[in-house]
């Protein structure tokens, strides 16, 4: 079950979004909040994804997030708005919003895909945050990279017995991400 926090003040829009999520076929549990105090309290609890309306009474979605670090929230945030605006799109990206959709674009398949991608990217960032740095020599790094690429192409297990290994590096430092 995917726990969705929907921050939306328009009851008709909230009902439409709930209907779109139901049509997507995934198991979504939707909690709807609109009042600012309730919103701030809801952001402190667990959720898998937050769907945030841009226009809210007395404030907007980005103003709400100005005092909160999006990276510290328990799940990713997808901004929903009634009309596309390039400046708003850019501002949302700068705030760390996972995706920006107009409500017209939020058909069930698109909304479902946006949620899946946002959750995957959020989980990947959380994993990276807790991985230790491993210092390896350049020849070892090159060998590990070649072996990982070979395993990914052949869909074989890596020698660390994982399905895939991505090796990112900067100078002589590497981070091994095992998934």
Foldseek 3Di string as FASTA:
>chain_A
DFEEEEADDDPVLVVVLVVQQVVLVDDYDYDYDHDLVVVVVVQPDDGAEYEAEQDGPPHGPVVSLPVPQQLPGNYAYEYEYQDDDPVVQVSCVVSVHQYYYYSVRSGNNSVVVSSVVRSVVSVVVVQVVPFDKDFDAPVVLVVQQVQQVVCQVVQHAGPVRARGWDWDDDPRIITTDGD
